Structure formats: C-alpha cells, structure tokens
C-alpha atoms as a PDB file:
ATOM      1  CA  UNK A   1      94.747 113.409  96.158  1.00  0.00           C
ATOM      2  CA  UNK A   2      92.719 109.747  95.039  1.00  0.00           C
ATOM      3  CA  UNK A   3      91.275 107.290  97.256  1.00  0.00           C
ATOM      4  CA  UNK A   4      90.128 103.885  96.267  1.00  0.00           C
ATOM      5  CA  UNK A   5      88.969 100.986  98.573  1.00  0.00           C
ATOM      6  CA  UNK A   6      88.890  97.649  96.442  1.00  0.00           C
ATOM      7  CA  UNK A   7      89.289  93.544  96.750  1.00  0.00           C
ATOM      8  CA  UNK A   8      91.408  92.059  94.746  1.00  0.00           C
ATOM      9  CA  UNK A   9      90.750  88.153  93.422  1.00  0.00           C
ATOM     10  CA  UNK A  10      88.411  87.919  96.246  1.00  0.00           C
ATOM     11  CA  UNK A  11      90.324  88.923  98.915  1.00  0.00           C
ATOM     12  CA  UNK A  12      90.981  92.637 101.253  1.00  0.00           C
ATOM     13  CA  UNK A  13      94.409  92.298 101.691  1.00  0.00           C
ATOM     14  CA  UNK A  14      95.865  94.151  98.589  1.00  0.00           C
ATOM     15  CA  UNK A  15      98.506  94.214  99.566  1.00  0.00           C
ATOM     16  CA  UNK A  16     100.238  91.412  98.779  1.00  0.00           C
ATOM     17  CA  UNK A  17      99.561  92.150  95.028  1.00  0.00           C
ATOM     18  CA  UNK A  18     100.450  95.217  94.438  1.00  0.00           C
ATOM     19  CA  UNK A  19     103.540  97.522  94.956  1.00  0.00           C
ATOM     20  CA  UNK A  20     103.802 101.026  94.303  1.00  0.00           C
ATOM     21  CA  UNK A  21     105.988 104.269  94.535  1.00  0.00           C
ATOM     22  CA  UNK A  22     105.227 107.607  93.473  1.00  0.00           C
ATOM     23  CA  UNK A  23     106.096 106.617  89.642  1.00  0.00           C
ATOM     24  CA  UNK A  24     104.520 103.269  88.849  1.00  0.00           C
ATOM     25  CA  UNK A  25     102.612 100.558  89.868  1.00  0.00           C
ATOM     26  CA  UNK A  26     103.412  96.854  89.860  1.00  0.00           C
ATOM     27  CA  UNK A  27      99.873  94.767  89.636  1.00  0.00           C
ATOM     28  CA  UNK A  28     100.224  90.668  88.509  1.00  0.00           C
ATOM     29  CA  UNK A  29     100.402  89.152  85.154  1.00  0.00           C
ATOM     30  CA  UNK A  30      96.849  87.442  86.793  1.00  0.00           C
ATOM     31  CA  UNK A  31      95.231  90.315  87.844  1.00  0.00           C
ATOM     32  CA  UNK A  32      91.628  90.514  85.880  1.00  0.00           C
ATOM     33  CA  UNK A  33      91.103  93.335  82.929  1.00  0.00           C
ATOM     34  CA  UNK A  34      87.949  94.972  85.364  1.00  0.00           C
ATOM     35  CA  UNK A  35      89.897  94.800  88.560  1.00  0.00           C
ATOM     36  CA  UNK A  36      93.356  96.657  86.461  1.00  0.00           C
ATOM     37  CA  UNK A  37      90.456  99.485  84.546  1.00  0.00           C
ATOM     38  CA  UNK A  38      89.127  99.855  87.903  1.00  0.00           C
ATOM     39  CA  UNK A  39      92.729 100.713  89.292  1.00  0.00           C
ATOM     40  CA  UNK A  40      93.872 102.597  86.653  1.00  0.00           C
ATOM     41  CA  UNK A  41      90.796 104.977  86.522  1.00  0.00           C
ATOM     42  CA  UNK A  42      92.397 106.610  89.719  1.00  0.00           C
ATOM     43  CA  UNK A  43      95.912 107.369  87.557  1.00  0.00           C
ATOM     44  CA  UNK A  44      97.286 110.524  87.249  1.00  0.00           C
ATOM     45  CA  UNK A  45      98.921 111.205  84.056  1.00  0.00           C
ATOM     46  CA  UNK A  46     102.328 110.136  83.398  1.00  0.00           C
ATOM     47  CA  UNK A  47     101.853 107.402  86.224  1.00  0.00           C
ATOM     48  CA  UNK A  48     102.919 104.096  84.518  1.00  0.00           C
ATOM     49  CA  UNK A  49     101.825 100.274  85.366  1.00  0.00           C
ATOM     50  CA  UNK A  50     103.379  97.568  84.950  1.00  0.00           C
ATOM     51  CA  UNK A  51     102.263  94.036  85.180  1.00  0.00           C
ATOM     52  CA  UNK A  52     104.496  91.516  86.323  1.00  0.00           C
ATOM     53  CA  UNK A  53     105.494  87.955  88.332  1.00  0.00           C
ATOM     54  CA  UNK A  54     108.100  87.961  91.386  1.00  0.00           C
ATOM     55  CA  UNK A  55     108.802  84.031  91.154  1.00  0.00           C
ATOM     56  CA  UNK A  56     105.887  83.077  88.742  1.00  0.00           C
ATOM     57  CA  UNK A  57     103.926  84.142  92.183  1.00  0.00           C
ATOM     58  CA  UNK A  58     100.759  87.431  91.759  1.00  0.00           C
ATOM     59  CA  UNK A  59     102.662  88.416  95.245  1.00  0.00           C
ATOM     60  CA  UNK A  60     103.892  91.074  94.235  1.00  0.00           C
ATOM     61  CA  UNK A  61     104.103  93.464  97.373  1.00  0.00           C
ATOM     62  CA  UNK A  62     105.548  90.171  99.576  1.00  0.00           C
ATOM     63  CA  UNK A  63     108.354  89.841  97.778  1.00  0.00           C
ATOM     64  CA  UNK A  64     109.312  93.560  96.460  1.00  0.00           C
ATOM     65  CA  UNK A  65     110.317  96.846  98.583  1.00  0.00           C
ATOM     66  CA  UNK A  66     110.862 100.014  97.181  1.00  0.00           C
ATOM     67  CA  UNK A  67     110.737 103.685  97.172  1.00  0.00           C
ATOM     68  CA  UNK A  68     111.650 105.890  94.011  1.00  0.00           C
ATOM     69  CA  UNK A  69     115.251 105.785  94.088  1.00  0.00           C
ATOM     70  CA  UNK A  70     115.213 101.472  93.999  1.00  0.00           C
ATOM     71  CA  UNK A  71     113.541  97.798  94.331  1.00  0.00           C
ATOM     72  CA  UNK A  72     115.287  95.170  96.214  1.00  0.00           C
ATOM     73  CA  UNK A  73     113.878  92.090  94.728  1.00  0.00           C
ATOM     74  CA  UNK A  74     114.967  88.527  95.152  1.00  0.00           C
ATOM     75  CA  UNK A  75     117.795  87.013  92.751  1.00  0.00           C
ATOM     76  CA  UNK A  76     115.666  83.415  93.177  1.00  0.00           C
ATOM     77  CA  UNK A  77     113.885  84.944  90.250  1.00  0.00           C
ATOM     78  CA  UNK A  78     113.831  83.581  87.167  1.00  0.00           C
ATOM     79  CA  UNK A  79     115.811  85.148  84.044  1.00  0.00           C
ATOM     80  CA  UNK A  80     113.128  86.693  82.003  1.00  0.00           C
ATOM     81  CA  UNK A  81     111.379  88.272  85.331  1.00  0.00           C
ATOM     82  CA  UNK A  82     114.732  89.679  86.051  1.00  0.00           C
ATOM     83  CA  UNK A  83     114.890  91.496  82.893  1.00  0.00           C
ATOM     84  CA  UNK A  84     111.644  93.111  83.046  1.00  0.00           C
ATOM     85  CA  UNK A  85     112.333  94.558  86.076  1.00  0.00           C
ATOM     86  CA  UNK A  86     116.166  96.129  84.768  1.00  0.00           C
ATOM     87  CA  UNK A  87     114.157  97.444  82.303  1.00  0.00           C
ATOM     88  CA  UNK A  88     111.544  99.026  84.621  1.00  0.00           C
ATOM     89  CA  UNK A  89     114.059 100.409  86.702  1.00  0.00           C
ATOM     90  CA  UNK A  90     117.141 101.329  83.877  1.00  0.00           C
ATOM     91  CA  UNK A  91     113.689 103.664  82.761  1.00  0.00           C
ATOM     92  CA  UNK A  92     112.461 105.413  85.905  1.00  0.00           C
ATOM     93  CA  UNK A  93     116.320 105.879  87.259  1.00  0.00           C
ATOM     94  CA  UNK A  94     115.821 103.779  90.243  1.00  0.00           C
ATOM     95  CA  UNK A  95     118.546 101.532  91.328  1.00  0.00           C
ATOM     96  CA  UNK A  96     117.954  97.689  91.716  1.00  0.00           C
ATOM     97  CA  UNK A  97     119.039  95.124  94.488  1.00  0.00           C
ATOM     98  CA  UNK A  98     118.560  91.047  93.266  1.00  0.00           C
ATOM     99  CA  UNK A  99     119.371  90.306  97.174  1.00  0.00           C
ATOM    100  CA  UNK A 100     120.129  87.034  98.420  1.00  0.00           C
ATOM    101  CA  UNK A 101     118.824  86.085 101.180  1.00  0.00           C
ATOM    102  CA  UNK A 102     117.107  83.388 102.979  1.00  0.00           C
ATOM    103  CA  UNK A 103     114.407  85.535 103.445  1.00  0.00           C
ATOM    104  CA  UNK A 104     113.379  87.007 100.650  1.00  0.00           C
ATOM    105  CA  UNK A 105     109.759  88.696 101.271  1.00  0.00           C
ATOM    106  CA  UNK A 106     111.491  91.916 101.080  1.00  0.00           C
ATOM    107  CA  UNK A 107     107.825  93.748 100.859  1.00  0.00           C
ATOM    108  CA  UNK A 108     106.931  92.236 104.557  1.00  0.00           C
ATOM    109  CA  UNK A 109     110.898  92.917 105.762  1.00  0.00           C
ATOM    110  CA  UNK A 110     111.347  96.401 104.575  1.00  0.00           C
ATOM    111  CA  UNK A 111     109.574  99.591 105.400  1.00  0.00           C
ATOM    112  CA  UNK A 112     111.114 102.686 103.260  1.00  0.00           C
ATOM    113  CA  UNK A 113     110.067 105.603 102.170  1.00  0.00           C
ATOM    114  CA  UNK A 114     111.997 108.217 100.207  1.00  0.00           C
ATOM    115  CA  UNK A 115     113.777 110.078 103.722  1.00  0.00           C
ATOM    116  CA  UNK A 116     114.463 106.271 105.058  1.00  0.00           C
ATOM    117  CA  UNK A 117     114.128 103.161 106.030  1.00  0.00           C
ATOM    118  CA  UNK A 118     113.596 100.361 108.776  1.00  0.00           C
ATOM    119  CA  UNK A 119     114.977  97.039 107.844  1.00  0.00           C
ATOM    120  CA  UNK A 120     113.560  93.646 109.670  1.00  0.00           C
ATOM    121  CA  UNK A 121     116.971  92.526 111.816  1.00  0.00           C
ATOM    122  CA  UNK A 122     116.926  89.040 108.964  1.00  0.00           C
ATOM    123  CA  UNK A 123     117.949  91.616 106.818  1.00  0.00           C
ATOM    124  CA  UNK A 124     121.233  93.523 109.039  1.00  0.00           C
ATOM    125  CA  UNK A 125     123.856  91.775 107.548  1.00  0.00           C
ATOM    126  CA  UNK A 126     122.296  93.478 104.361  1.00  0.00           C
ATOM    127  CA  UNK A 127     121.977  96.739 105.374  1.00  0.00           C
ATOM    128  CA  UNK A 128     125.013  98.025 103.272  1.00  0.00           C
ATOM    129  CA  UNK A 129     122.986  97.086  99.956  1.00  0.00           C
ATOM    130  CA  UNK A 130     119.760  98.019 100.583  1.00  0.00           C
ATOM    131  CA  UNK A 131     121.198 101.545 102.047  1.00  0.00           C
ATOM    132  CA  UNK A 132     123.159 101.930  98.464  1.00  0.00           C
ATOM    133  CA  UNK A 133     120.041 100.656  96.333  1.00  0.00           C
ATOM    134  CA  UNK A 134     117.049 102.269  97.629  1.00  0.00           C
ATOM    135  CA  UNK A 135     119.341 105.779  98.913  1.00  0.00           C
ATOM    136  CA  UNK A 136     118.482 106.294 102.162  1.00  0.00           C
ATOM    137  CA  UNK A 137     119.266 105.886 106.068  1.00  0.00           C
ATOM    138  CA  UNK A 138     118.471 102.733 106.678  1.00  0.00           C
ATOM    139  CA  UNK A 139     118.462 101.035 110.287  1.00  0.00           C
ATOM    140  CA  UNK A 140     117.443  97.024 111.160  1.00  0.00           C
ATOM    141  CA  UNK A 141     114.870  97.031 113.737  1.00  0.00           C
ATOM    142  CA  UNK A 142     111.722  94.801 114.422  1.00  0.00           C
ATOM    143  CA  UNK A 143     109.112  97.288 116.175  1.00  0.00           C
ATOM    144  CA  UNK A 144     105.823  96.667 117.410  1.00  0.00           C
ATOM    145  CA  UNK A 145     106.791  93.093 118.452  1.00  0.00           C
ATOM    146  CA  UNK A 146     107.447  92.055 115.259  1.00  0.00           C
ATOM    147  CA  UNK A 147     110.096  90.352 112.441  1.00  0.00           C
ATOM    148  CA  UNK A 148     107.597  92.303 109.494  1.00  0.00           C
ATOM    149  CA  UNK A 149     108.140  95.873 109.566  1.00  0.00           C
ATOM    150  CA  UNK A 150     107.224  96.137 106.038  1.00  0.00           C
ATOM    151  CA  UNK A 151     104.092  94.537 106.664  1.00  0.00           C
ATOM    152  CA  UNK A 152     103.449  95.967 109.896  1.00  0.00           C
ATOM    153  CA  UNK A 153     103.427  99.210 108.480  1.00  0.00           C
ATOM    154  CA  UNK A 154     102.224 101.885 105.209  1.00  0.00           C
ATOM    155  CA  UNK A 155     104.294 104.837 104.218  1.00  0.00           C
ATOM    156  CA  UNK A 156     104.493 107.352 102.167  1.00  0.00           C
ATOM    157  CA  UNK A 157     106.657 110.705 102.347  1.00  0.00           C
ATOM    158  CA  UNK A 158     103.806 112.863 104.250  1.00  0.00           C
ATOM    159  CA  UNK A 159     102.989 110.025 106.859  1.00  0.00           C
ATOM    160  CA  UNK A 160     103.572 106.632 108.819  1.00  0.00           C
ATOM    161  CA  UNK A 161     100.999 104.490 110.129  1.00  0.00           C
ATOM    162  CA  UNK A 162     102.047 101.305 112.437  1.00  0.00           C
ATOM    163  CA  UNK A 163     101.000  97.995 113.879  1.00  0.00           C
ATOM    164  CA  UNK A 164      98.818  99.090 117.343  1.00  0.00           C
ATOM    165  CA  UNK A 165     101.645  97.437 119.624  1.00  0.00           C
ATOM    166  CA  UNK A 166     104.953  99.541 119.216  1.00  0.00           C
ATOM    167  CA  UNK A 167     105.914 102.085 121.759  1.00  0.00           C
ATOM    168  CA  UNK A 168     106.306 105.085 122.018  1.00  0.00           C
ATOM    169  CA  UNK A 169     109.991 105.084 121.793  1.00  0.00           C
ATOM    170  CA  UNK A 170     109.290 102.659 118.706  1.00  0.00           C
ATOM    171  CA  UNK A 171     107.020 105.889 117.451  1.00  0.00           C
ATOM    172  CA  UNK A 172     110.311 107.800 117.952  1.00  0.00           C
ATOM    173  CA  UNK A 173     112.506 106.412 116.219  1.00  0.00           C
ATOM    174  CA  UNK A 174     110.932 105.944 113.647  1.00  0.00           C
ATOM    175  CA  UNK A 175     109.670 108.739 113.311  1.00  0.00           C
ATOM    176  CA  UNK A 176     112.903 110.367 112.864  1.00  0.00           C
ATOM    177  CA  UNK A 177     113.726 107.967 110.362  1.00  0.00           C
ATOM    178  CA  UNK A 178     111.331 108.298 108.327  1.00  0.00           C
ATOM    179  CA  UNK A 179     110.974 112.181 108.536  1.00  0.00           C
ATOM    180  CA  UNK A 180     106.875 111.935 108.948  1.00  0.00           C
ATOM    181  CA  UNK A 181     104.059 111.922 111.858  1.00  0.00           C
ATOM    182  CA  UNK A 182     104.104 108.321 113.021  1.00  0.00           C
ATOM    183  CA  UNK A 183     100.377 107.514 114.358  1.00  0.00           C
ATOM    184  CA  UNK A 184      99.042 104.050 114.529  1.00  0.00           C
ATOM    185  CA  UNK A 185      96.215 102.485 112.840  1.00  0.00           C
ATOM    186  CA  UNK A 186      94.228  98.390 111.599  1.00  0.00           C
ATOM    187  CA  UNK A 187      93.059  97.998 108.769  1.00  0.00           C
ATOM    188  CA  UNK A 188      90.802  95.556 107.612  1.00  0.00           C
ATOM    189  CA  UNK A 189      88.446  96.101 110.237  1.00  0.00           C
ATOM    190  CA  UNK A 190      91.341  94.908 112.989  1.00  0.00           C
ATOM    191  CA  UNK A 191      93.993  93.668 111.165  1.00  0.00           C
ATOM    192  CA  UNK A 192      97.099  94.837 112.526  1.00  0.00           C
ATOM    193  CA  UNK A 193      99.236  94.288 109.899  1.00  0.00           C
ATOM    194  CA  UNK A 194      98.654  98.007 108.011  1.00  0.00           C
ATOM    195  CA  UNK A 195     100.096  96.986 104.577  1.00  0.00           C
ATOM    196  CA  UNK A 196      98.299  94.338 103.983  1.00  0.00           C
ATOM    197  CA  UNK A 197      95.370  96.456 103.211  1.00  0.00           C
ATOM    198  CA  UNK A 198      96.560  99.132 102.292  1.00  0.00           C
ATOM    199  CA  UNK A 199      99.382 100.528  99.262  1.00  0.00           C
ATOM    200  CA  UNK A 200      99.887 104.158  98.963  1.00  0.00           C
ATOM    201  CA  UNK A 201     102.374 106.807  97.166  1.00  0.00           C
ATOM    202  CA  UNK A 202     102.084 110.760  98.311  1.00  0.00           C
ATOM    203  CA  UNK A 203      99.152 110.971  95.951  1.00  0.00           C
ATOM    204  CA  UNK A 204      96.712 107.657  95.542  1.00  0.00           C
ATOM    205  CA  UNK A 205      96.271 105.387  98.218  1.00  0.00           C
ATOM    206  CA  UNK A 206      94.410 102.343  97.861  1.00  0.00           C
ATOM    207  CA  UNK A 207      92.509 100.643 100.271  1.00  0.00           C
ATOM    208  CA  UNK A 208      91.574  96.649 101.325  1.00  0.00           C
ATOM    209  CA  UNK A 209      87.298  96.926 101.192  1.00  0.00           C
ATOM    210  CA  UNK A 210      86.957  95.827 103.981  1.00  0.00           C
ATOM    211  CA  UNK A 211      88.099  99.108 105.852  1.00  0.00           C
ATOM    212  CA  UNK A 212      86.099 100.472 108.637  1.00  0.00           C
ATOM    213  CA  UNK A 213      84.638 104.580 107.968  1.00  0.00           C
ATOM    214  CA  UNK A 214      87.065 105.377 111.564  1.00  0.00           C
ATOM    215  CA  UNK A 215      90.523 102.496 110.002  1.00  0.00           C
ATOM    216  CA  UNK A 216      90.293 105.345 106.716  1.00  0.00           C
ATOM    217  CA  UNK A 217      89.794 107.894 109.183  1.00  0.00           C
ATOM    218  CA  UNK A 218      92.763 107.300 110.325  1.00  0.00           C
ATOM    219  CA  UNK A 219      95.013 106.123 107.637  1.00  0.00           C
ATOM    220  CA  UNK A 220      93.758 109.125 105.371  1.00  0.00           C
ATOM    221  CA  UNK A 221      94.350 111.268 108.175  1.00  0.00           C
ATOM    222  CA  UNK A 222      97.872 110.458 108.786  1.00  0.00           C
ATOM    223  CA  UNK A 223      99.311 110.150 105.342  1.00  0.00           C
ATOM    224  CA  UNK A 224      97.867 113.060 104.063  1.00  0.00           C
ATOM    225  CA  UNK A 225      95.734 111.316 101.313  1.00  0.00           C
END
C-alpha cells in the first residue's frame, strides 16, 4: 500500500483533477511534468496512466465516474476525446457509457466500487445504463442531504469514507450495497466533500496536502491503505 499527500494546480482539491481505478490513473494533459513524476513514483508495476481532457477541461474527476468494470462519461465531449476513451476502455476490458444527461458531472454524481454503486436521484432515469456499464447493483440515493453522492464519498473495495452528515440508516444501506465498512471523515482540514481531497484504489491513496493527521489516520484505516 502506498500513500501520497499532494497538491495540484495550487490546490489540495486533487479529486477534481484525477480519476483512478485498480487498472489505471487519468490525469489532465495540463498537469506539470514534475507533478506527474511525483505521482508516478508511487505506481506499482503494470499500473498505467493516461493523460486526457474532458470537454477540453482538466477537471477529469468531476466528469468521469468509473470502477474496474466500466466508465461513465458525458456524451457532450468532443470526438477526439471519445475516440481516446473508447480505446482505453477496450485496452482495459472495460465497458464505456456516453451518457446524455443535463447533469453530466458524473464524478460528483456517482459513487462506485467493484461491488455496488450509488447515483444521485438526478440520474435515476439512467440507472439501467449505469448499472449495465459498471456491472454492479446501483441505487439512487441522495445521502447526507447532498445531491452529489460521488463527491460526498470516497470508496475502494475495502472501505468507504463519507460526508459526516450521513445518517446511521444511510450508512447501513451503503455498507450493504458497497460490501465494505462505511465511516465518516473529512479531508483537507474539515471539508466534508471527501472526494474533492482524495482518490483511492485498493493499493494507492492520493490525498490533498492539507489533510490533517487525524483525517489521514481515519481515511487510511477505513480504506485499509
């Protein structure tokens, strides 16, 4: 297990710029080379990294949601971006869904691991397409009084940390669905939208530089990193 604390583009909100599963990392083309080299140092053997844009934007973590089975991307992205993402999906034996939705910040709207997933109630009309793509059971749930279940939590196949305003009933639902321990946390010294300051898979954790010691202890213990 490897842990890194980092800032990107002058902010600890690293989760808006990066997306990761157990197979690869997506990072923005505009990421300075020295920052990419810092990330690359923690990659295990046979772990890939792809530089991409989404809607010609570096905000990859906001627009893409994925697990090891598939990825959900906005249909509004340009053709060059679609071709690249389709190729990456094929190379990694993943499904891809180009979802046409007025709300297309899928990284903020979908929380998923390889066991289950939660989508915003704003996306419930697309639940079958998302479920087929990610190949897991999906439910629509705006937990912790947020319409952004993706940004309100960070999850791998070992644990899940979520927004502190979650209820005990919601924790039970999420734990049963994602098949992991669920507990509350914040990032970057008090931000309750956990994904903004953390991206994880089963063996790597990258966290915002402003994460406090107690936050790091909570995150790494729950996510078993």
